[in-house]
Amino acid sequence: MGEVTGFREAALRLLEEHAVAEDAPAMQRYMKSEMPFVGVRKPARVSIVDELCRRFPFTTQQDLVDSARALWRDATYREERYVALSVTGHRAQRRFQDTGALGLYEEFVVTGAWWDFVDEVASRRIGPLLLSDPDVVRPMLLRWSTDDDRWRRRTAIIAQLRAKDRTDVELLRRAVQANLTDPDFFLRKAIGWALREHAKTDPEWVRDFAANHELSPLSRREALRNIGG
């Protein structure tokens, strides 16, 4: 627990050192966040994460998970959660990117419950794990696509944004179809986004899907933005 505590204390000190207090209110308004900001923008957060990963060279995945989870759960400011999430994806942690981290990523999705956290986890954490370990991640995403939690469902829809020609089109189809009738803005936006990204690889598949499914106006507009149809 000493390393976990030390990690959190170091993260807090670095955030406070880089904070621009007058930026915090605008950042909170933009993100529509109940949790306050301390006023550290992304470029400074990147430097902070680099510094933390130099100071705390995690030797096991569990050390990384415990430290990131403690920082996330005890966060007073939103930037603490940004740092917790970013540390898990830092190049220094590449060897720990396996399905053993899925529990932590699910916690980030469910308790983060907003697009700034969820989209990063979906496309840059869970998406790569789907490619490397589909036997574990694919069934999970299929379950999530019909989950009561809209952020699990959004994750299932957009997890393959970066998959390109490795996209599991059947998983994409099922995740989208499961949410076509949901009126939620974030799900409709996710559907359009996922289809638009896949259209860069297979525009005919997306045109055919759009022609044969009742997409919301938002989803259809986003899906066909660059290909027409």
Protein backbone atom coordinates (compact mmCIF):
# COMPACT_ATOMS: atom_id res chain seq x y z
CA MET A 1 0.00 0.00 0.00
CA GLY A 2 2.96 2.30 0.45
CA GLU A 3 3.60 2.52 -3.28
CA VAL A 4 -0.09 3.13 -3.95
CA THR A 5 -0.17 5.99 -1.46
CA GLY A 6 3.08 7.40 -2.77
CA PHE A 7 1.80 7.29 -6.32
CA ARG A 8 -1.37 9.18 -5.45
CA GLU A 9 0.48 11.79 -3.41
CA ALA A 10 2.96 12.34 -6.23
CA ALA A 11 0.14 12.69 -8.76
CA LEU A 12 -1.60 15.28 -6.58
CA ARG A 13 1.58 17.30 -6.10
CA LEU A 14 2.34 17.33 -9.81
CA LEU A 15 -1.21 18.36 -10.68
CA GLU A 16 -1.12 21.18 -8.16
CA GLU A 17 2.24 22.36 -9.51
CA HIS A 18 0.91 22.51 -13.08
CA ALA A 19 -2.54 23.89 -12.27
CA VAL A 20 -3.76 27.15 -13.75
CA ALA A 21 -6.60 27.91 -11.35
CA GLU A 22 -8.37 30.39 -13.62
CA ASP A 23 -8.75 27.67 -16.29
CA ALA A 24 -10.60 25.30 -13.99
CA PRO A 25 -14.14 26.78 -14.14
CA ALA A 26 -14.22 26.83 -17.94
CA MET A 27 -12.93 23.26 -18.11
CA GLN A 28 -15.64 22.12 -15.72
CA ARG A 29 -18.35 23.92 -17.69
CA TYR A 30 -17.19 22.46 -21.00
CA MET A 31 -17.22 18.94 -19.63
CA LYS A 32 -20.51 19.49 -17.76
CA SER A 33 -18.79 17.86 -14.81
CA GLU A 34 -20.02 17.73 -11.24
CA MET A 35 -16.46 16.90 -10.18
CA PRO A 36 -14.34 20.06 -10.15
CA PHE A 37 -11.18 20.62 -12.17
CA VAL A 38 -7.93 21.88 -10.71
CA GLY A 39 -6.95 23.53 -14.01
CA VAL A 40 -4.42 21.26 -15.73
CA ARG A 41 -4.83 20.97 -19.49
CA LYS A 42 -3.87 17.96 -21.58
CA PRO A 43 -0.29 18.90 -22.60
CA ALA A 44 0.67 19.35 -18.96
CA ARG A 45 -1.10 16.10 -18.03
CA VAL A 46 0.98 14.23 -20.61
CA SER A 47 4.14 15.49 -18.94
CA ILE A 48 2.79 14.54 -15.52
CA VAL A 49 2.02 11.00 -16.65
CA ASP A 50 5.51 10.65 -18.15
CA GLU A 51 7.01 11.80 -14.86
CA LEU A 52 4.88 9.43 -12.79
CA CYS A 53 5.81 6.49 -14.97
CA ARG A 54 9.49 7.33 -14.52
CA ARG A 55 9.13 7.61 -10.76
CA PHE A 56 6.96 4.53 -10.38
CA PRO A 57 8.22 1.76 -12.69
CA PHE A 58 5.51 -0.80 -11.96
CA THR A 59 6.84 -4.33 -11.90
CA THR A 60 3.50 -6.14 -11.97
CA GLN A 61 0.11 -5.52 -13.49
CA GLN A 62 -1.45 -5.64 -10.03
CA ASP A 63 0.74 -2.79 -8.83
CA LEU A 64 -0.39 -0.71 -11.80
CA VAL A 65 -4.05 -1.62 -11.32
CA ASP A 66 -3.99 -0.91 -7.58
CA SER A 67 -2.31 2.47 -8.05
CA ALA A 68 -4.56 3.59 -10.89
CA ARG A 69 -7.68 2.39 -9.09
CA ALA A 70 -6.78 4.20 -5.86
CA LEU A 71 -6.10 7.44 -7.70
CA TRP A 72 -9.38 7.07 -9.60
CA ARG A 73 -11.54 6.21 -6.60
CA ASP A 74 -10.10 8.84 -4.27
CA ALA A 75 -10.10 11.61 -6.88
CA THR A 76 -11.13 15.08 -5.79
CA TYR A 77 -10.45 16.65 -9.18
CA ARG A 78 -11.30 15.32 -12.61
CA GLU A 79 -7.69 15.53 -13.74
CA GLU A 80 -6.78 12.88 -11.19
CA ARG A 81 -9.01 10.49 -13.09
CA TYR A 82 -7.50 11.57 -16.40
CA VAL A 83 -4.07 10.76 -15.00
CA ALA A 84 -5.22 7.39 -13.64
CA LEU A 85 -6.60 6.46 -17.05
CA SER A 86 -3.59 7.76 -18.97
CA VAL A 87 -1.09 5.91 -16.81
CA THR A 88 -2.73 2.60 -17.72
CA GLY A 89 -2.13 3.27 -21.41
CA HIS A 90 1.38 4.70 -21.15
CA ARG A 91 4.06 3.04 -23.27
CA ALA A 92 5.80 1.95 -20.06
CA GLN A 93 2.79 -0.24 -19.24
CA ARG A 94 2.55 -1.97 -22.62
CA ARG A 95 3.42 -5.36 -21.19
CA PHE A 96 0.46 -5.13 -18.83
CA GLN A 97 -2.11 -4.65 -21.58
CA ASP A 98 -3.97 -7.92 -21.35
CA THR A 99 -7.35 -9.12 -20.18
CA GLY A 100 -6.20 -8.99 -16.56
CA ALA A 101 -6.87 -5.24 -16.75
CA LEU A 102 -10.48 -5.60 -17.92
CA GLY A 103 -11.94 -5.26 -14.44
CA LEU A 104 -10.23 -1.91 -14.00
CA TYR A 105 -11.34 -0.71 -17.42
CA GLU A 106 -14.92 -1.73 -16.71
CA GLU A 107 -14.79 0.30 -13.49
CA PHE A 108 -13.53 3.30 -15.47
CA VAL A 109 -16.48 2.93 -17.88
CA VAL A 110 -19.23 2.44 -15.31
CA THR A 111 -18.12 4.94 -12.68
CA GLY A 112 -16.65 7.44 -15.13
CA ALA A 113 -20.01 7.47 -16.91
CA TRP A 114 -19.16 10.24 -19.36
CA TRP A 115 -17.78 10.36 -22.87
CA ASP A 116 -14.34 11.75 -22.00
CA PHE A 117 -13.49 8.64 -19.98
CA VAL A 118 -15.56 6.05 -21.82
CA ASP A 119 -14.35 6.82 -25.33
CA GLU A 120 -10.69 6.52 -24.34
CA VAL A 121 -11.28 3.22 -22.56
CA ALA A 122 -13.40 1.81 -25.37
CA SER A 123 -11.16 2.60 -28.34
CA ARG A 124 -7.67 2.61 -26.79
CA ARG A 125 -7.87 0.00 -24.05
CA ILE A 126 -10.67 -2.49 -24.71
CA GLY A 127 -10.49 -2.24 -28.50
CA PRO A 128 -6.87 -3.44 -28.67
CA LEU A 129 -7.67 -6.25 -26.22
CA LEU A 130 -10.47 -7.37 -28.53
CA LEU A 131 -7.88 -7.78 -31.29
CA SER A 132 -5.38 -9.60 -29.11
CA ASP A 133 -7.80 -11.79 -27.13
CA PRO A 134 -11.15 -11.99 -28.93
CA ASP A 135 -12.22 -15.20 -27.17
CA VAL A 136 -12.48 -13.26 -23.91
CA VAL A 137 -13.39 -9.75 -25.03
CA ARG A 138 -15.89 -10.48 -27.81
CA PRO A 139 -18.42 -12.29 -25.56
CA MET A 140 -18.04 -9.52 -22.99
CA LEU A 141 -18.81 -6.83 -25.55
CA LEU A 142 -21.81 -8.76 -26.83
CA ARG A 143 -23.16 -8.83 -23.27
CA TRP A 144 -22.41 -5.14 -22.85
CA SER A 145 -24.26 -4.29 -26.06
CA THR A 146 -27.55 -5.11 -24.32
CA ASP A 147 -26.59 -4.07 -20.79
CA ASP A 148 -28.76 -1.73 -18.72
CA ASP A 149 -25.80 0.65 -18.44
CA ARG A 150 -25.64 2.95 -21.46
CA TRP A 151 -21.88 3.44 -21.11
CA ARG A 152 -21.21 -0.29 -21.37
CA ARG A 153 -23.39 -0.25 -24.48
CA ARG A 154 -21.54 2.74 -25.94
CA THR A 155 -18.28 0.89 -25.30
CA ALA A 156 -19.54 -2.17 -27.16
CA ILE A 157 -20.48 -0.01 -30.14
CA ILE A 158 -17.28 2.04 -30.44
CA ALA A 159 -14.64 -0.42 -29.22
CA GLN A 160 -13.58 -1.08 -32.83
CA LEU A 161 -13.04 2.51 -33.94
CA ARG A 162 -9.34 1.84 -34.58
CA ALA A 163 -9.65 -1.72 -35.89
CA LYS A 164 -9.78 -0.83 -39.62
CA ASP A 165 -9.53 -4.00 -41.74
CA ARG A 166 -9.47 -6.14 -38.59
CA THR A 167 -12.99 -5.06 -37.63
CA ASP A 168 -15.23 -7.90 -36.50
CA VAL A 169 -18.18 -6.84 -38.64
CA GLU A 170 -20.56 -9.33 -37.06
CA LEU A 171 -19.80 -7.91 -33.62
CA LEU A 172 -20.25 -4.39 -34.98
CA ARG A 173 -23.56 -5.34 -36.59
CA ARG A 174 -24.91 -6.95 -33.44
CA ALA A 175 -23.79 -4.12 -31.16
CA VAL A 176 -25.41 -1.52 -33.41
CA GLN A 177 -28.61 -3.48 -34.01
CA ALA A 178 -29.08 -3.96 -30.27
CA ASN A 179 -29.25 -0.18 -29.81
CA LEU A 180 -30.99 1.10 -32.92
CA THR A 181 -34.23 1.98 -31.18
CA ASP A 182 -32.70 3.59 -28.10
CA PRO A 183 -33.34 7.36 -28.08
CA ASP A 184 -30.22 8.15 -26.04
CA PHE A 185 -28.05 10.78 -27.73
CA PHE A 186 -24.75 9.15 -26.74
CA LEU A 187 -25.81 5.80 -28.18
CA ARG A 188 -27.10 7.31 -31.42
CA LYS A 189 -23.91 9.32 -31.78
CA ALA A 190 -21.85 6.20 -31.08
CA ILE A 191 -23.67 4.24 -33.77
CA GLY A 192 -23.01 6.92 -36.36
CA TRP A 193 -19.39 7.25 -35.30
CA ALA A 194 -18.70 3.51 -35.41
CA LEU A 195 -20.27 3.17 -38.83
CA ARG A 196 -18.47 6.25 -40.17
CA GLU A 197 -15.12 4.87 -39.06
CA HIS A 198 -15.81 1.47 -40.61
CA ALA A 199 -16.84 3.21 -43.83
CA LYS A 200 -13.20 4.26 -44.26
CA THR A 201 -12.42 0.56 -44.68
CA ASP A 202 -15.60 -0.82 -46.23
CA PRO A 203 -17.96 1.91 -47.47
CA GLU A 204 -20.20 -0.56 -49.31
CA TRP A 205 -20.85 -2.53 -46.11
CA VAL A 206 -21.89 0.66 -44.34
CA ARG A 207 -24.09 1.83 -47.23
CA ASP A 208 -25.80 -1.56 -47.28
CA PHE A 209 -26.28 -1.53 -43.52
CA ALA A 210 -27.77 1.96 -43.61
CA ALA A 211 -30.07 1.01 -46.47
CA ASN A 212 -31.43 -1.99 -44.61
CA HIS A 213 -31.79 -0.60 -41.10
CA GLU A 214 -33.89 2.14 -39.56
CA LEU A 215 -31.18 4.45 -38.28
CA SER A 216 -32.00 7.59 -36.35
CA PRO A 217 -31.39 10.81 -38.34
CA LEU A 218 -28.33 11.52 -36.18
CA SER A 219 -26.85 8.05 -36.67
CA ARG A 220 -27.54 8.05 -40.41
CA ARG A 221 -26.05 11.50 -40.92
CA GLU A 222 -22.89 10.55 -39.06
CA ALA A 223 -22.58 7.12 -40.70
CA LEU A 224 -22.85 8.43 -44.25
CA ARG A 225 -21.10 11.76 -43.79
CA ASN A 226 -18.13 10.90 -45.96
CA ILE A 227 -19.58 8.35 -48.37
CA GLY A 228 -23.12 9.42 -49.18
CA GLY A 229 -25.87 6.92 -49.73
